[in-house]
């Protein structure tokens, strides 16, 4: 049975936080469903999608056997001009797909970090201060921006913690806006 309510599809890369992303989105009174990151474009096209969120995950995008979104899904995103929000591994997936590069972080960043906004006209940062704490949990980090993306914010340890391709309505976040340790995270999800 096809549900034609508008929905956000959350593609799960195995993050311990994927269900939390769904919960935060639902708390904003927006319908969403969790799918495997290996979902087919055919399956997704049965639904009335309004956006896609790529979750975090335990792997490195360059590892053998690391999961990736199918090229069919990226085609669907392009055809339907779907906004995409990549969280942690999801941001690295954006880099992987669109010609950026990801490097092993010098140190694993785990815990609160202050995010410093460089480009505050970004729509995802509406109503947010210049500096705010967010919860980080990643080893790899973005080294070279994907094509068409610009940097929006950084931390002391990572140059790119929010990136955007405004023309394509695509954003990447290196942190986890869905966890309670990121008090302003729901604002970013709401803006998205």
N, C-alpha and C. Protein backbone atom coordinates (compact mmCIF):
# COMPACT_ATOMS: atom_id res chain seq x y z
N UNK A 1 0.86 -1.19 0.00
CA UNK A 1 0.00 0.00 0.00
C UNK A 1 0.89 1.24 0.00
N UNK A 2 0.62 2.16 -0.91
CA UNK A 2 1.47 3.34 -1.02
C UNK A 2 0.94 4.47 -0.17
N UNK A 3 1.81 5.02 0.60
CA UNK A 3 1.41 6.13 1.43
C UNK A 3 1.86 7.40 0.73
N UNK A 4 0.90 8.25 0.39
CA UNK A 4 1.28 9.43 -0.36
C UNK A 4 1.40 10.67 0.50
N UNK A 5 1.41 10.49 1.83
CA UNK A 5 1.70 11.64 2.68
C UNK A 5 3.13 12.07 2.37
N UNK A 6 3.37 13.39 2.35
CA UNK A 6 4.75 13.84 2.16
C UNK A 6 5.62 13.28 3.27
N UNK A 7 6.79 12.80 2.93
CA UNK A 7 7.66 12.25 3.96
C UNK A 7 9.13 12.55 3.67
N UNK A 8 9.89 12.59 4.76
CA UNK A 8 11.34 12.67 4.65
C UNK A 8 11.86 11.24 4.79
N UNK A 9 12.73 10.84 3.88
CA UNK A 9 13.35 9.51 3.97
C UNK A 9 14.69 9.66 4.69
N UNK A 10 14.87 8.88 5.75
CA UNK A 10 16.16 8.86 6.45
C UNK A 10 16.87 7.58 6.03
N UNK A 11 18.02 7.73 5.39
CA UNK A 11 18.77 6.55 4.95
C UNK A 11 19.79 6.20 6.02
N UNK A 12 19.66 5.00 6.53
CA UNK A 12 20.41 4.58 7.72
C UNK A 12 21.72 3.88 7.34
N UNK A 13 22.83 4.48 7.75
CA UNK A 13 24.16 3.90 7.51
C UNK A 13 24.66 3.13 8.73
N UNK A 14 23.75 2.77 9.63
CA UNK A 14 24.15 1.96 10.77
C UNK A 14 24.54 2.78 11.98
N UNK A 15 24.14 4.04 12.01
CA UNK A 15 24.46 4.88 13.17
C UNK A 15 23.65 4.44 14.37
N UNK A 16 24.28 4.54 15.54
CA UNK A 16 23.54 4.27 16.77
C UNK A 16 22.47 5.33 16.99
N UNK A 17 22.54 6.43 16.23
CA UNK A 17 21.62 7.55 16.44
C UNK A 17 20.49 7.64 15.41
N UNK A 18 20.42 6.70 14.46
CA UNK A 18 19.44 6.85 13.37
C UNK A 18 18.00 6.99 13.86
N UNK A 19 17.63 6.20 14.88
CA UNK A 19 16.26 6.30 15.40
C UNK A 19 16.02 7.65 16.07
N UNK A 20 17.10 8.19 16.63
CA UNK A 20 16.98 9.53 17.24
C UNK A 20 16.71 10.59 16.19
N UNK A 21 17.34 10.46 15.02
CA UNK A 21 17.08 11.43 13.95
C UNK A 21 15.59 11.39 13.63
N UNK A 22 15.06 10.17 13.47
CA UNK A 22 13.64 10.02 13.16
C UNK A 22 12.78 10.66 14.25
N UNK A 23 13.17 10.43 15.50
CA UNK A 23 12.39 10.99 16.60
C UNK A 23 12.39 12.51 16.58
N UNK A 24 13.58 13.09 16.34
CA UNK A 24 13.68 14.57 16.29
C UNK A 24 12.85 15.15 15.16
N UNK A 25 12.87 14.48 14.00
CA UNK A 25 12.08 14.97 12.86
C UNK A 25 10.59 14.88 13.18
N UNK A 26 10.19 13.76 13.81
CA UNK A 26 8.77 13.59 14.17
C UNK A 26 8.35 14.60 15.23
N UNK A 27 9.28 14.97 16.12
CA UNK A 27 8.96 15.98 17.13
C UNK A 27 8.66 17.33 16.48
N UNK A 28 9.16 17.52 15.24
CA UNK A 28 8.86 18.75 14.49
C UNK A 28 7.55 18.59 13.70
N UNK A 29 6.82 17.50 13.99
CA UNK A 29 5.54 17.20 13.34
C UNK A 29 5.70 16.98 11.83
N UNK A 30 6.79 16.30 11.49
CA UNK A 30 7.04 15.98 10.09
C UNK A 30 7.14 14.47 9.98
N UNK A 31 6.43 13.93 9.01
CA UNK A 31 6.40 12.49 8.81
C UNK A 31 7.71 12.03 8.17
N UNK A 32 8.30 10.98 8.73
CA UNK A 32 9.52 10.45 8.14
C UNK A 32 9.56 8.94 8.30
N UNK A 33 10.33 8.30 7.47
CA UNK A 33 10.54 6.85 7.57
C UNK A 33 12.02 6.57 7.49
N UNK A 34 12.42 5.50 8.18
CA UNK A 34 13.81 5.05 8.17
C UNK A 34 13.96 3.95 7.10
N UNK A 35 14.95 4.08 6.24
CA UNK A 35 15.22 3.07 5.21
C UNK A 35 16.69 2.64 5.33
N UNK A 36 17.00 1.47 4.80
CA UNK A 36 18.40 1.08 4.70
C UNK A 36 19.08 2.05 3.73
N UNK A 37 20.37 2.32 3.97
CA UNK A 37 21.11 3.19 3.04
C UNK A 37 21.24 2.54 1.66
N UNK A 38 20.95 1.24 1.58
CA UNK A 38 21.04 0.51 0.31
C UNK A 38 19.70 0.44 -0.41
N UNK A 39 18.72 1.21 0.08
CA UNK A 39 17.38 1.23 -0.53
C UNK A 39 17.50 1.58 -2.02
N UNK A 40 16.59 1.02 -2.83
CA UNK A 40 16.64 1.30 -4.27
C UNK A 40 15.84 2.56 -4.59
N UNK A 41 16.17 3.15 -5.71
CA UNK A 41 15.44 4.33 -6.20
C UNK A 41 13.99 3.92 -6.47
N UNK A 42 13.82 2.70 -6.94
CA UNK A 42 12.48 2.20 -7.24
C UNK A 42 11.60 2.21 -5.98
N UNK A 43 12.16 1.73 -4.87
CA UNK A 43 11.41 1.73 -3.60
C UNK A 43 11.09 3.16 -3.17
N UNK A 44 12.09 4.04 -3.21
CA UNK A 44 11.87 5.42 -2.75
C UNK A 44 10.88 6.16 -3.64
N UNK A 45 10.88 5.85 -4.93
CA UNK A 45 10.00 6.59 -5.84
C UNK A 45 8.52 6.24 -5.65
N UNK A 46 8.24 5.22 -4.83
CA UNK A 46 6.85 4.88 -4.51
C UNK A 46 6.26 5.86 -3.49
N UNK A 47 7.12 6.67 -2.89
CA UNK A 47 6.67 7.56 -1.81
C UNK A 47 6.74 9.01 -2.26
N UNK A 48 6.00 9.83 -1.54
CA UNK A 48 5.98 11.26 -1.85
C UNK A 48 7.07 11.94 -1.02
N UNK A 49 8.30 11.85 -1.50
CA UNK A 49 9.44 12.36 -0.72
C UNK A 49 9.56 13.88 -0.81
N UNK A 50 9.89 14.49 0.33
CA UNK A 50 10.12 15.93 0.35
C UNK A 50 11.60 16.22 0.60
N UNK A 51 12.33 15.26 1.16
CA UNK A 51 13.76 15.45 1.44
C UNK A 51 14.36 14.11 1.84
N UNK A 52 15.70 14.08 1.86
CA UNK A 52 16.41 12.88 2.29
C UNK A 52 17.45 13.28 3.33
N UNK A 53 17.51 12.51 4.40
CA UNK A 53 18.57 12.71 5.40
C UNK A 53 19.45 11.47 5.39
N UNK A 54 20.76 11.68 5.28
CA UNK A 54 21.72 10.57 5.34
C UNK A 54 22.26 10.50 6.76
N UNK A 55 22.11 9.36 7.41
CA UNK A 55 22.52 9.25 8.81
C UNK A 55 24.04 9.12 8.95
N UNK A 56 24.48 9.12 10.17
CA UNK A 56 25.87 8.78 10.46
C UNK A 56 26.06 7.27 10.33
N UNK A 57 27.27 6.82 10.61
CA UNK A 57 27.54 5.39 10.53
C UNK A 57 28.92 5.10 11.07
N UNK A 58 29.19 3.85 11.41
CA UNK A 58 30.45 3.50 12.06
C UNK A 58 31.63 3.34 11.10
N UNK A 59 31.38 3.31 9.80
CA UNK A 59 32.44 3.00 8.85
C UNK A 59 33.14 4.26 8.33
N UNK A 60 34.19 4.04 7.54
CA UNK A 60 34.82 5.12 6.80
C UNK A 60 34.36 4.96 5.35
N UNK A 61 34.06 6.05 4.66
CA UNK A 61 33.52 5.94 3.30
C UNK A 61 34.45 5.21 2.33
N UNK A 62 35.75 5.18 2.64
CA UNK A 62 36.69 4.54 1.71
C UNK A 62 36.97 3.08 2.04
N UNK A 63 36.44 2.61 3.16
CA UNK A 63 36.67 1.21 3.55
C UNK A 63 36.10 0.25 2.51
N UNK A 64 36.75 -0.89 2.34
CA UNK A 64 36.17 -1.93 1.50
C UNK A 64 34.83 -2.32 2.08
N UNK A 65 33.84 -2.40 1.23
CA UNK A 65 32.53 -2.83 1.71
C UNK A 65 31.75 -1.75 2.44
N UNK A 66 32.28 -0.52 2.50
CA UNK A 66 31.53 0.56 3.15
C UNK A 66 30.26 0.81 2.34
N UNK A 67 29.15 1.06 3.02
CA UNK A 67 27.89 1.25 2.30
C UNK A 67 27.83 2.60 1.58
N UNK A 68 27.19 2.61 0.41
CA UNK A 68 27.00 3.85 -0.34
C UNK A 68 25.60 3.90 -0.92
N UNK A 69 25.08 5.11 -1.05
CA UNK A 69 23.78 5.31 -1.67
C UNK A 69 23.92 4.96 -3.16
N UNK A 70 22.92 4.28 -3.70
CA UNK A 70 23.02 3.86 -5.12
C UNK A 70 22.94 5.06 -6.05
N UNK A 71 23.55 4.90 -7.23
CA UNK A 71 23.54 6.00 -8.20
C UNK A 71 22.10 6.30 -8.64
N UNK A 72 21.24 5.28 -8.60
CA UNK A 72 19.83 5.48 -8.93
C UNK A 72 19.16 6.45 -7.97
N UNK A 73 19.49 6.33 -6.69
CA UNK A 73 18.91 7.24 -5.69
C UNK A 73 19.41 8.67 -5.93
N UNK A 74 20.71 8.82 -6.26
CA UNK A 74 21.22 10.17 -6.54
C UNK A 74 20.54 10.76 -7.77
N UNK A 75 20.21 9.89 -8.74
CA UNK A 75 19.50 10.35 -9.94
C UNK A 75 18.10 10.85 -9.54
N UNK A 76 17.44 10.10 -8.67
CA UNK A 76 16.11 10.47 -8.16
C UNK A 76 16.18 11.83 -7.45
N UNK A 77 17.21 11.99 -6.61
CA UNK A 77 17.42 13.25 -5.89
C UNK A 77 17.51 14.41 -6.88
N UNK A 78 18.28 14.18 -7.95
CA UNK A 78 18.46 15.22 -8.95
C UNK A 78 17.17 15.50 -9.72
N UNK A 79 16.52 14.44 -10.17
CA UNK A 79 15.29 14.60 -10.95
C UNK A 79 14.20 15.33 -10.16
N UNK A 80 14.09 15.01 -8.87
CA UNK A 80 13.03 15.60 -8.05
C UNK A 80 13.52 16.82 -7.26
N UNK A 81 14.76 17.23 -7.49
CA UNK A 81 15.36 18.35 -6.73
C UNK A 81 15.12 18.20 -5.23
N UNK A 82 15.38 16.99 -4.71
CA UNK A 82 15.14 16.75 -3.28
C UNK A 82 16.26 17.35 -2.44
N UNK A 83 15.91 18.10 -1.40
CA UNK A 83 16.95 18.55 -0.47
C UNK A 83 17.57 17.35 0.24
N UNK A 84 18.88 17.45 0.51
CA UNK A 84 19.59 16.36 1.20
C UNK A 84 20.37 16.94 2.37
N UNK A 85 20.26 16.27 3.52
CA UNK A 85 21.05 16.63 4.70
C UNK A 85 21.89 15.42 5.06
N UNK A 86 23.22 15.58 5.00
CA UNK A 86 24.11 14.48 5.37
C UNK A 86 24.67 14.73 6.76
N UNK A 87 24.49 13.76 7.67
CA UNK A 87 24.96 13.91 9.04
C UNK A 87 26.15 12.98 9.26
N UNK A 88 27.31 13.53 9.63
CA UNK A 88 28.51 12.75 9.94
C UNK A 88 28.92 11.86 8.76
N UNK A 89 28.73 10.55 8.82
CA UNK A 89 29.05 9.71 7.67
C UNK A 89 28.28 10.21 6.44
N UNK A 90 27.06 10.70 6.66
CA UNK A 90 26.25 11.21 5.56
C UNK A 90 26.92 12.38 4.85
N UNK A 91 27.60 13.24 5.62
CA UNK A 91 28.33 14.35 5.02
C UNK A 91 29.52 13.81 4.22
N UNK A 92 30.18 12.79 4.77
CA UNK A 92 31.32 12.20 4.07
C UNK A 92 30.86 11.50 2.79
N UNK A 93 29.66 10.95 2.83
CA UNK A 93 29.07 10.35 1.63
C UNK A 93 28.87 11.41 0.54
N UNK A 94 28.41 12.60 0.94
CA UNK A 94 28.26 13.71 -0.02
C UNK A 94 29.63 14.03 -0.65
N UNK A 95 30.66 14.06 0.18
CA UNK A 95 32.01 14.34 -0.32
C UNK A 95 32.45 13.24 -1.29
N UNK A 96 32.19 12.00 -0.90
CA UNK A 96 32.59 10.83 -1.69
C UNK A 96 31.93 10.87 -3.07
N UNK A 97 30.65 11.23 -3.09
CA UNK A 97 29.88 11.20 -4.34
C UNK A 97 30.19 12.41 -5.23
N UNK A 98 30.42 13.57 -4.61
CA UNK A 98 30.54 14.79 -5.39
C UNK A 98 31.96 15.34 -5.48
N UNK A 99 32.95 14.43 -5.35
CA UNK A 99 34.32 14.83 -5.67
C UNK A 99 35.08 15.57 -4.58
N UNK A 100 34.65 15.42 -3.34
CA UNK A 100 35.44 15.97 -2.24
C UNK A 100 36.40 14.89 -1.76
N UNK A 101 37.09 15.12 -0.65
CA UNK A 101 37.87 14.02 -0.09
C UNK A 101 37.84 14.06 1.43
N UNK A 102 37.94 12.86 1.98
CA UNK A 102 37.83 12.68 3.42
C UNK A 102 39.15 12.10 3.90
N UNK A 103 39.66 12.64 5.00
CA UNK A 103 40.92 12.13 5.55
C UNK A 103 40.68 11.61 6.95
N UNK A 104 41.53 10.70 7.36
CA UNK A 104 41.46 10.24 8.75
C UNK A 104 41.77 11.45 9.63
N UNK A 105 40.92 11.69 10.61
CA UNK A 105 41.19 12.82 11.52
C UNK A 105 42.44 12.53 12.32
N UNK A 106 43.15 13.58 12.68
CA UNK A 106 44.38 13.39 13.47
C UNK A 106 44.01 12.84 14.83
N UNK A 107 42.88 13.30 15.36
CA UNK A 107 42.42 12.70 16.60
C UNK A 107 40.93 12.47 16.48
N UNK A 108 40.47 11.43 17.14
CA UNK A 108 39.04 11.15 17.12
C UNK A 108 38.37 12.25 17.91
N UNK A 109 37.38 12.90 17.31
CA UNK A 109 36.69 13.97 18.02
C UNK A 109 35.43 13.39 18.62
N UNK A 110 35.35 13.41 19.93
CA UNK A 110 34.18 12.84 20.60
C UNK A 110 33.83 13.75 21.75
N UNK A 111 32.63 14.27 21.73
CA UNK A 111 32.22 15.16 22.82
C UNK A 111 31.80 16.50 22.27
N UNK A 112 31.65 17.45 23.19
CA UNK A 112 31.17 18.77 22.78
C UNK A 112 32.27 19.56 22.11
N UNK A 113 31.92 20.24 21.03
CA UNK A 113 32.86 21.14 20.36
C UNK A 113 32.10 22.40 20.01
N UNK A 114 32.82 23.52 20.05
CA UNK A 114 32.18 24.76 19.64
C UNK A 114 32.25 24.90 18.13
N UNK A 115 31.09 25.11 17.54
CA UNK A 115 30.99 25.33 16.11
C UNK A 115 31.04 26.83 15.86
N UNK A 116 31.94 27.27 14.98
CA UNK A 116 32.08 28.68 14.64
C UNK A 116 31.53 28.92 13.23
N UNK A 117 30.55 29.77 13.16
CA UNK A 117 29.88 30.02 11.89
C UNK A 117 30.69 31.00 11.04
N UNK A 118 30.96 30.61 9.80
CA UNK A 118 31.69 31.47 8.88
C UNK A 118 30.71 32.16 7.92
N UNK A 119 29.65 31.44 7.57
CA UNK A 119 28.71 31.92 6.56
C UNK A 119 27.31 31.91 7.16
N UNK A 120 26.94 33.02 7.86
CA UNK A 120 25.69 32.91 8.62
C UNK A 120 24.45 33.26 7.81
N UNK A 121 24.60 33.44 6.49
CA UNK A 121 23.39 33.63 5.69
C UNK A 121 22.81 32.27 5.30
N UNK A 122 23.47 31.19 5.73
CA UNK A 122 22.98 29.86 5.36
C UNK A 122 21.60 29.61 5.96
N UNK A 123 20.65 29.15 5.13
CA UNK A 123 19.30 28.89 5.65
C UNK A 123 19.25 27.87 6.79
N UNK A 124 20.21 26.93 6.86
CA UNK A 124 20.16 25.96 7.95
C UNK A 124 20.55 26.58 9.29
N UNK A 125 21.13 27.79 9.25
CA UNK A 125 21.58 28.42 10.50
C UNK A 125 20.67 29.55 10.97
N UNK A 126 19.49 29.63 10.39
CA UNK A 126 18.55 30.68 10.80
C UNK A 126 18.32 30.62 12.31
N UNK A 127 18.36 31.77 12.97
CA UNK A 127 18.14 31.88 14.42
C UNK A 127 19.19 31.20 15.28
N UNK A 128 20.40 31.02 14.74
CA UNK A 128 21.47 30.44 15.56
C UNK A 128 22.56 31.48 15.79
N UNK A 129 23.22 31.41 16.96
CA UNK A 129 24.31 32.36 17.24
C UNK A 129 25.56 32.05 16.40
N UNK A 130 26.54 32.95 16.47
CA UNK A 130 27.80 32.78 15.72
C UNK A 130 28.58 31.55 16.17
N UNK A 131 28.48 31.24 17.47
CA UNK A 131 29.20 30.09 18.02
C UNK A 131 28.21 29.31 18.89
N UNK A 132 28.19 28.00 18.73
CA UNK A 132 27.29 27.18 19.54
C UNK A 132 27.90 25.79 19.69
N UNK A 133 27.59 25.11 20.82
CA UNK A 133 28.15 23.77 21.04
C UNK A 133 27.35 22.70 20.30
N UNK A 134 28.06 21.71 19.76
CA UNK A 134 27.42 20.56 19.12
C UNK A 134 28.18 19.30 19.52
N UNK A 135 27.51 18.18 19.45
CA UNK A 135 28.10 16.90 19.84
C UNK A 135 28.79 16.25 18.65
N UNK A 136 30.09 16.01 18.81
CA UNK A 136 30.89 15.40 17.74
C UNK A 136 31.17 13.94 18.09
N UNK A 137 31.19 13.11 17.08
CA UNK A 137 31.65 11.74 17.27
C UNK A 137 32.11 11.23 15.91
N UNK A 138 33.38 11.51 15.60
CA UNK A 138 33.88 11.08 14.30
C UNK A 138 35.40 10.95 14.35
N UNK A 139 35.92 10.07 13.49
CA UNK A 139 37.36 9.94 13.36
C UNK A 139 37.81 10.63 12.08
N UNK A 140 37.10 10.35 10.99
CA UNK A 140 37.46 10.96 9.71
C UNK A 140 36.92 12.37 9.63
N UNK A 141 37.55 13.18 8.78
CA UNK A 141 36.96 14.49 8.54
C UNK A 141 37.17 14.93 7.10
N UNK A 142 36.38 15.88 6.70
CA UNK A 142 36.43 16.37 5.34
C UNK A 142 37.71 17.17 5.12
N UNK A 143 38.42 16.84 4.04
CA UNK A 143 39.68 17.49 3.75
C UNK A 143 39.52 18.45 2.57
N UNK A 144 38.78 18.00 1.58
CA UNK A 144 38.56 18.83 0.39
C UNK A 144 37.06 18.87 0.11
N UNK A 145 36.54 20.08 -0.08
CA UNK A 145 35.10 20.23 -0.30
C UNK A 145 34.64 19.52 -1.57
N UNK A 146 33.44 18.92 -1.51
CA UNK A 146 32.88 18.38 -2.75
C UNK A 146 32.59 19.53 -3.72
N UNK A 147 32.53 19.21 -5.00
CA UNK A 147 32.30 20.22 -6.03
C UNK A 147 30.95 20.89 -5.83
N UNK A 148 30.95 22.22 -5.90
CA UNK A 148 29.71 22.97 -5.76
C UNK A 148 29.35 23.32 -4.32
N UNK A 149 30.14 22.82 -3.36
CA UNK A 149 29.85 23.09 -1.95
C UNK A 149 30.72 24.23 -1.41
N UNK A 150 30.18 24.95 -0.45
CA UNK A 150 30.96 26.00 0.23
C UNK A 150 30.94 25.74 1.73
N UNK A 151 31.98 26.20 2.45
CA UNK A 151 32.03 25.98 3.89
C UNK A 151 31.11 26.97 4.60
N UNK A 152 30.45 26.49 5.65
CA UNK A 152 29.54 27.33 6.42
C UNK A 152 30.05 27.50 7.85
N UNK A 153 30.64 26.43 8.43
CA UNK A 153 31.10 26.52 9.81
C UNK A 153 32.24 25.54 10.05
N UNK A 154 33.03 25.80 11.12
CA UNK A 154 34.17 24.95 11.45
C UNK A 154 34.30 24.84 12.97
N UNK A 155 35.17 23.92 13.40
CA UNK A 155 35.55 23.87 14.82
C UNK A 155 37.07 24.05 14.86
N UNK A 156 37.64 24.06 16.05
CA UNK A 156 39.09 24.19 16.16
C UNK A 156 39.80 22.97 15.56
N UNK A 157 39.12 21.83 15.55
CA UNK A 157 39.73 20.60 15.06
C UNK A 157 39.42 20.29 13.60
N UNK A 158 38.35 20.86 13.07
CA UNK A 158 37.95 20.52 11.71
C UNK A 158 37.53 21.78 10.96
N UNK A 159 38.07 21.90 9.76
CA UNK A 159 37.80 23.09 8.97
C UNK A 159 36.37 23.15 8.44
N UNK A 160 35.81 21.97 8.14
CA UNK A 160 34.47 21.95 7.55
C UNK A 160 33.53 21.13 8.43
N UNK A 161 32.71 21.78 9.23
CA UNK A 161 31.73 21.00 10.01
C UNK A 161 30.30 21.25 9.53
N UNK A 162 30.09 22.31 8.76
CA UNK A 162 28.84 22.47 8.02
C UNK A 162 29.23 22.93 6.62
N UNK A 163 28.72 22.22 5.62
CA UNK A 163 28.97 22.63 4.24
C UNK A 163 27.62 22.70 3.52
N UNK A 164 27.58 23.47 2.43
CA UNK A 164 26.32 23.54 1.71
C UNK A 164 26.54 23.71 0.21
N UNK A 165 25.59 23.18 -0.53
CA UNK A 165 25.46 23.48 -1.94
C UNK A 165 24.05 24.03 -2.06
N UNK A 166 23.95 25.36 -1.95
CA UNK A 166 22.63 25.96 -1.85
C UNK A 166 21.81 25.76 -3.12
N UNK A 167 22.48 25.79 -4.26
CA UNK A 167 21.77 25.62 -5.54
C UNK A 167 21.07 24.26 -5.59
N UNK A 168 21.75 23.23 -5.05
CA UNK A 168 21.17 21.88 -5.06
C UNK A 168 20.40 21.57 -3.78
N UNK A 169 20.35 22.52 -2.84
CA UNK A 169 19.69 22.30 -1.53
C UNK A 169 20.28 21.09 -0.82
N UNK A 170 21.62 21.06 -0.73
CA UNK A 170 22.29 19.96 -0.04
C UNK A 170 23.21 20.52 1.04
N UNK A 171 23.10 19.91 2.23
CA UNK A 171 23.91 20.34 3.37
C UNK A 171 24.58 19.13 4.01
N UNK A 172 25.78 19.36 4.55
CA UNK A 172 26.46 18.33 5.30
C UNK A 172 26.80 18.86 6.68
N UNK A 173 26.59 18.02 7.69
CA UNK A 173 26.93 18.37 9.08
C UNK A 173 27.90 17.33 9.60
N UNK A 174 29.02 17.77 10.18
CA UNK A 174 29.97 16.81 10.73
C UNK A 174 29.54 16.34 12.12
N UNK A 175 28.62 17.07 12.73
CA UNK A 175 28.19 16.75 14.11
C UNK A 175 26.82 16.08 14.09
N UNK A 176 26.35 15.74 15.28
CA UNK A 176 25.06 15.05 15.43
C UNK A 176 24.01 16.00 16.01
N UNK A 177 23.17 16.61 15.17
CA UNK A 177 22.19 17.55 15.68
C UNK A 177 21.06 16.86 16.43
N UNK A 178 21.00 15.51 16.28
CA UNK A 178 19.85 14.79 16.84
C UNK A 178 20.01 14.41 18.30
N UNK A 179 21.24 14.49 18.85
CA UNK A 179 21.43 14.03 20.23
C UNK A 179 21.15 15.16 21.22
N UNK A 180 20.80 14.78 22.44
CA UNK A 180 20.42 15.80 23.43
C UNK A 180 21.59 16.71 23.79
N UNK A 181 22.83 16.22 23.57
CA UNK A 181 24.00 17.06 23.86
C UNK A 181 24.15 18.20 22.85
N UNK A 182 23.34 18.20 21.81
CA UNK A 182 23.36 19.29 20.83
C UNK A 182 22.07 20.10 21.00
N UNK A 183 22.04 21.00 22.00
CA UNK A 183 20.78 21.67 22.33
C UNK A 183 20.17 22.44 21.16
N UNK A 184 21.00 22.94 20.25
CA UNK A 184 20.45 23.71 19.12
C UNK A 184 20.26 22.85 17.87
N UNK A 185 20.52 21.56 18.01
CA UNK A 185 20.38 20.65 16.88
C UNK A 185 18.98 20.67 16.26
N UNK A 186 17.93 20.62 17.10
CA UNK A 186 16.57 20.64 16.52
C UNK A 186 16.30 21.89 15.68
N UNK A 187 16.94 23.01 16.03
CA UNK A 187 16.76 24.23 15.24
C UNK A 187 17.32 24.02 13.83
N UNK A 188 18.48 23.36 13.75
CA UNK A 188 19.08 23.09 12.44
C UNK A 188 18.19 22.13 11.64
N UNK A 189 17.68 21.08 12.31
CA UNK A 189 16.80 20.14 11.62
C UNK A 189 15.53 20.87 11.16
N UNK A 190 15.01 21.74 12.01
CA UNK A 190 13.81 22.51 11.67
C UNK A 190 14.09 23.41 10.47
N UNK A 191 15.24 24.06 10.46
CA UNK A 191 15.59 24.94 9.33
C UNK A 191 15.71 24.15 8.04
N UNK A 192 16.29 22.94 8.17
CA UNK A 192 16.41 22.10 6.99
C UNK A 192 15.03 21.75 6.47
